[in-house]
Amino acid sequence: MPDNLEGNINAADALTLILHNQHALAAAIEELTGWLRENRAGDVADNAIAALNTLDTNARGITDAIMRLRQL
C-alpha cells in the first residue's frame, strides 16, 4: 500500500500544478477578453468566453480528482 499512497500523492501534486496552470490561463484569457471587447472584436471575445467556460469545467474535474487522490 505505501507505493500506492506515494503514487496518489505524486499524481495529486501533478494535478495541482495543472490546476494552477488552468487558473493562470483563465486569468490571461479574461484580460484578453476585456481588450477584445474594448476593441470591438465581440465575436473573438465570445470565443474566449467559451474557452473560459471549458477551463472552468475542467478545473472542477481536476479539483475533484485531486480530492479523491488525497483522501485515499
N, C-alpha and C. Protein backbone atom coordinates (compact mmCIF):
# COMPACT_ATOMS: atom_id res chain seq x y z
N MET A 1 0.79 -1.22 0.00
CA MET A 1 0.00 0.00 0.00
C MET A 1 0.84 1.29 0.00
N PRO A 2 1.99 1.34 0.67
CA PRO A 2 2.74 2.60 0.67
C PRO A 2 3.08 3.08 -0.74
N ASP A 3 3.38 2.15 -1.67
CA ASP A 3 3.70 2.56 -3.03
C ASP A 3 2.49 3.24 -3.68
N ASN A 4 1.31 2.69 -3.43
CA ASN A 4 0.09 3.26 -3.98
C ASN A 4 -0.16 4.65 -3.38
N LEU A 5 0.07 4.79 -2.08
CA LEU A 5 -0.11 6.08 -1.42
C LEU A 5 0.85 7.12 -2.01
N GLU A 6 2.09 6.72 -2.19
CA GLU A 6 3.07 7.64 -2.77
C GLU A 6 2.68 8.02 -4.20
N GLY A 7 2.18 7.05 -4.95
CA GLY A 7 1.71 7.33 -6.31
C GLY A 7 0.54 8.29 -6.31
N ASN A 8 -0.38 8.11 -5.37
CA ASN A 8 -1.53 9.02 -5.28
C ASN A 8 -1.09 10.43 -4.93
N ILE A 9 -0.13 10.54 -4.01
CA ILE A 9 0.37 11.86 -3.63
C ILE A 9 1.05 12.52 -4.82
N ASN A 10 1.87 11.77 -5.55
CA ASN A 10 2.55 12.33 -6.72
C ASN A 10 1.55 12.76 -7.79
N ALA A 11 0.54 11.92 -8.02
CA ALA A 11 -0.48 12.27 -9.01
C ALA A 11 -1.25 13.51 -8.58
N ALA A 12 -1.61 13.59 -7.30
CA ALA A 12 -2.34 14.75 -6.78
C ALA A 12 -1.49 16.01 -6.90
N ASP A 13 -0.21 15.89 -6.61
CA ASP A 13 0.69 17.05 -6.73
C ASP A 13 0.78 17.52 -8.18
N ALA A 14 0.88 16.57 -9.11
CA ALA A 14 0.95 16.93 -10.53
C ALA A 14 -0.35 17.59 -10.98
N LEU A 15 -1.48 17.03 -10.55
CA LEU A 15 -2.77 17.62 -10.91
C LEU A 15 -2.93 19.01 -10.31
N THR A 16 -2.38 19.22 -9.13
CA THR A 16 -2.44 20.55 -8.51
C THR A 16 -1.70 21.58 -9.36
N LEU A 17 -0.55 21.18 -9.89
CA LEU A 17 0.18 22.09 -10.78
C LEU A 17 -0.61 22.38 -12.04
N ILE A 18 -1.25 21.36 -12.59
CA ILE A 18 -2.09 21.56 -13.78
C ILE A 18 -3.23 22.52 -13.45
N LEU A 19 -3.82 22.36 -12.27
CA LEU A 19 -4.91 23.25 -11.85
C LEU A 19 -4.43 24.69 -11.74
N HIS A 20 -3.23 24.88 -11.20
CA HIS A 20 -2.66 26.24 -11.12
C HIS A 20 -2.47 26.82 -12.53
N ASN A 21 -2.05 25.98 -13.46
CA ASN A 21 -1.93 26.43 -14.85
C ASN A 21 -3.29 26.82 -15.43
N GLN A 22 -4.31 26.03 -15.11
CA GLN A 22 -5.67 26.34 -15.56
C GLN A 22 -6.07 27.75 -15.09
N HIS A 23 -5.79 28.03 -13.82
CA HIS A 23 -6.16 29.33 -13.26
C HIS A 23 -5.39 30.47 -13.93
N ALA A 24 -4.11 30.23 -14.18
CA ALA A 24 -3.29 31.25 -14.85
C ALA A 24 -3.79 31.51 -16.27
N LEU A 25 -4.10 30.45 -16.99
CA LEU A 25 -4.63 30.61 -18.35
C LEU A 25 -5.96 31.35 -18.34
N ALA A 26 -6.81 31.02 -17.39
CA ALA A 26 -8.10 31.69 -17.29
C ALA A 26 -7.92 33.18 -17.04
N ALA A 27 -7.01 33.54 -16.15
CA ALA A 27 -6.76 34.95 -15.87
C ALA A 27 -6.27 35.68 -17.11
N ALA A 28 -5.37 35.05 -17.86
CA ALA A 28 -4.86 35.67 -19.08
C ALA A 28 -5.96 35.83 -20.12
N ILE A 29 -6.80 34.82 -20.28
CA ILE A 29 -7.89 34.89 -21.25
C ILE A 29 -8.89 35.97 -20.84
N GLU A 30 -9.15 36.10 -19.54
CA GLU A 30 -10.05 37.16 -19.08
C GLU A 30 -9.52 38.53 -19.45
N GLU A 31 -8.22 38.75 -19.25
CA GLU A 31 -7.61 40.03 -19.61
C GLU A 31 -7.74 40.29 -21.11
N LEU A 32 -7.45 39.29 -21.90
CA LEU A 32 -7.55 39.44 -23.35
C LEU A 32 -9.00 39.67 -23.80
N THR A 33 -9.93 39.02 -23.14
CA THR A 33 -11.34 39.19 -23.48
C THR A 33 -11.78 40.63 -23.29
N GLY A 34 -11.35 41.23 -22.18
CA GLY A 34 -11.67 42.64 -21.95
C GLY A 34 -11.13 43.53 -23.04
N TRP A 35 -9.88 43.28 -23.44
CA TRP A 35 -9.26 44.06 -24.50
C TRP A 35 -10.01 43.87 -25.82
N LEU A 36 -10.38 42.63 -26.11
CA LEU A 36 -11.12 42.35 -27.35
C LEU A 36 -12.45 43.09 -27.38
N ARG A 37 -13.16 43.08 -26.28
CA ARG A 37 -14.45 43.78 -26.22
C ARG A 37 -14.26 45.28 -26.44
N GLU A 38 -13.23 45.84 -25.79
CA GLU A 38 -12.96 47.27 -25.93
C GLU A 38 -12.60 47.64 -27.37
N ASN A 39 -12.06 46.71 -28.10
CA ASN A 39 -11.62 46.95 -29.48
C ASN A 39 -12.59 46.36 -30.50
N ARG A 40 -13.80 46.18 -30.07
CA ARG A 40 -14.91 45.76 -30.94
C ARG A 40 -14.66 44.44 -31.68
N ALA A 41 -14.06 43.52 -30.97
CA ALA A 41 -13.87 42.18 -31.54
C ALA A 41 -14.76 41.22 -30.75
N GLY A 42 -16.05 41.53 -30.77
CA GLY A 42 -17.02 40.79 -29.96
C GLY A 42 -17.07 39.30 -30.26
N ASP A 43 -16.99 38.93 -31.53
CA ASP A 43 -17.05 37.51 -31.87
C ASP A 43 -15.86 36.75 -31.29
N VAL A 44 -14.69 37.37 -31.38
CA VAL A 44 -13.49 36.73 -30.82
C VAL A 44 -13.60 36.67 -29.30
N ALA A 45 -14.12 37.72 -28.70
CA ALA A 45 -14.31 37.73 -27.25
C ALA A 45 -15.28 36.64 -26.83
N ASP A 46 -16.33 36.43 -27.60
CA ASP A 46 -17.28 35.36 -27.30
C ASP A 46 -16.60 33.99 -27.34
N ASN A 47 -15.70 33.80 -28.30
CA ASN A 47 -14.94 32.55 -28.36
C ASN A 47 -14.04 32.39 -27.14
N ALA A 48 -13.47 33.49 -26.69
CA ALA A 48 -12.63 33.45 -25.50
C ALA A 48 -13.45 33.08 -24.27
N ILE A 49 -14.67 33.60 -24.19
CA ILE A 49 -15.56 33.25 -23.08
C ILE A 49 -15.88 31.75 -23.12
N ALA A 50 -16.09 31.21 -24.29
CA ALA A 50 -16.34 29.77 -24.42
C ALA A 50 -15.13 28.98 -23.92
N ALA A 51 -13.93 29.46 -24.23
CA ALA A 51 -12.72 28.79 -23.74
C ALA A 51 -12.65 28.86 -22.22
N LEU A 52 -13.03 30.00 -21.65
CA LEU A 52 -13.05 30.13 -20.20
C LEU A 52 -14.03 29.14 -19.57
N ASN A 53 -15.17 28.97 -20.19
CA ASN A 53 -16.14 28.01 -19.66
C ASN A 53 -15.57 26.60 -19.66
N THR A 54 -14.85 26.25 -20.72
CA THR A 54 -14.21 24.93 -20.77
C THR A 54 -13.16 24.79 -19.68
N LEU A 55 -12.36 25.84 -19.48
CA LEU A 55 -11.36 25.80 -18.41
C LEU A 55 -12.03 25.62 -17.05
N ASP A 56 -13.13 26.33 -16.81
CA ASP A 56 -13.84 26.20 -15.54
C ASP A 56 -14.36 24.78 -15.33
N THR A 57 -14.96 24.22 -16.36
CA THR A 57 -15.49 22.86 -16.27
C THR A 57 -14.37 21.87 -15.97
N ASN A 58 -13.28 21.99 -16.69
CA ASN A 58 -12.16 21.07 -16.49
C ASN A 58 -11.49 21.29 -15.14
N ALA A 59 -11.44 22.52 -14.67
CA ALA A 59 -10.84 22.79 -13.36
C ALA A 59 -11.63 22.09 -12.26
N ARG A 60 -12.95 22.07 -12.39
CA ARG A 60 -13.76 21.35 -11.40
C ARG A 60 -13.44 19.86 -11.42
N GLY A 61 -13.29 19.29 -12.61
CA GLY A 61 -12.94 17.87 -12.71
C GLY A 61 -11.57 17.57 -12.13
N ILE A 62 -10.61 18.44 -12.39
CA ILE A 62 -9.27 18.26 -11.85
C ILE A 62 -9.30 18.37 -10.33
N THR A 63 -10.04 19.34 -9.81
CA THR A 63 -10.16 19.51 -8.36
C THR A 63 -10.77 18.26 -7.72
N ASP A 64 -11.80 17.73 -8.33
CA ASP A 64 -12.42 16.51 -7.81
C ASP A 64 -11.43 15.35 -7.78
N ALA A 65 -10.64 15.21 -8.85
CA ALA A 65 -9.66 14.14 -8.91
C ALA A 65 -8.59 14.31 -7.82
N ILE A 66 -8.16 15.54 -7.61
CA ILE A 66 -7.18 15.82 -6.56
C ILE A 66 -7.73 15.41 -5.21
N MET A 67 -8.96 15.80 -4.94
CA MET A 67 -9.57 15.48 -3.64
C MET A 67 -9.69 13.98 -3.45
N ARG A 68 -10.08 13.25 -4.48
CA ARG A 68 -10.19 11.79 -4.37
C ARG A 68 -8.83 11.16 -4.09
N LEU A 69 -7.81 11.61 -4.78
CA LEU A 69 -6.47 11.07 -4.56
C LEU A 69 -5.94 11.37 -3.17
N ARG A 70 -6.21 12.55 -2.67
CA ARG A 70 -5.70 12.94 -1.36
C ARG A 70 -6.46 12.25 -0.22
N GLN A 71 -7.67 11.77 -0.49
CA GLN A 71 -8.45 11.08 0.55
C GLN A 71 -8.07 9.62 0.68
N LEU A 72 -7.39 9.06 -0.32
CA LEU A 72 -7.02 7.64 -0.27
C LEU A 72 -5.84 7.39 0.63
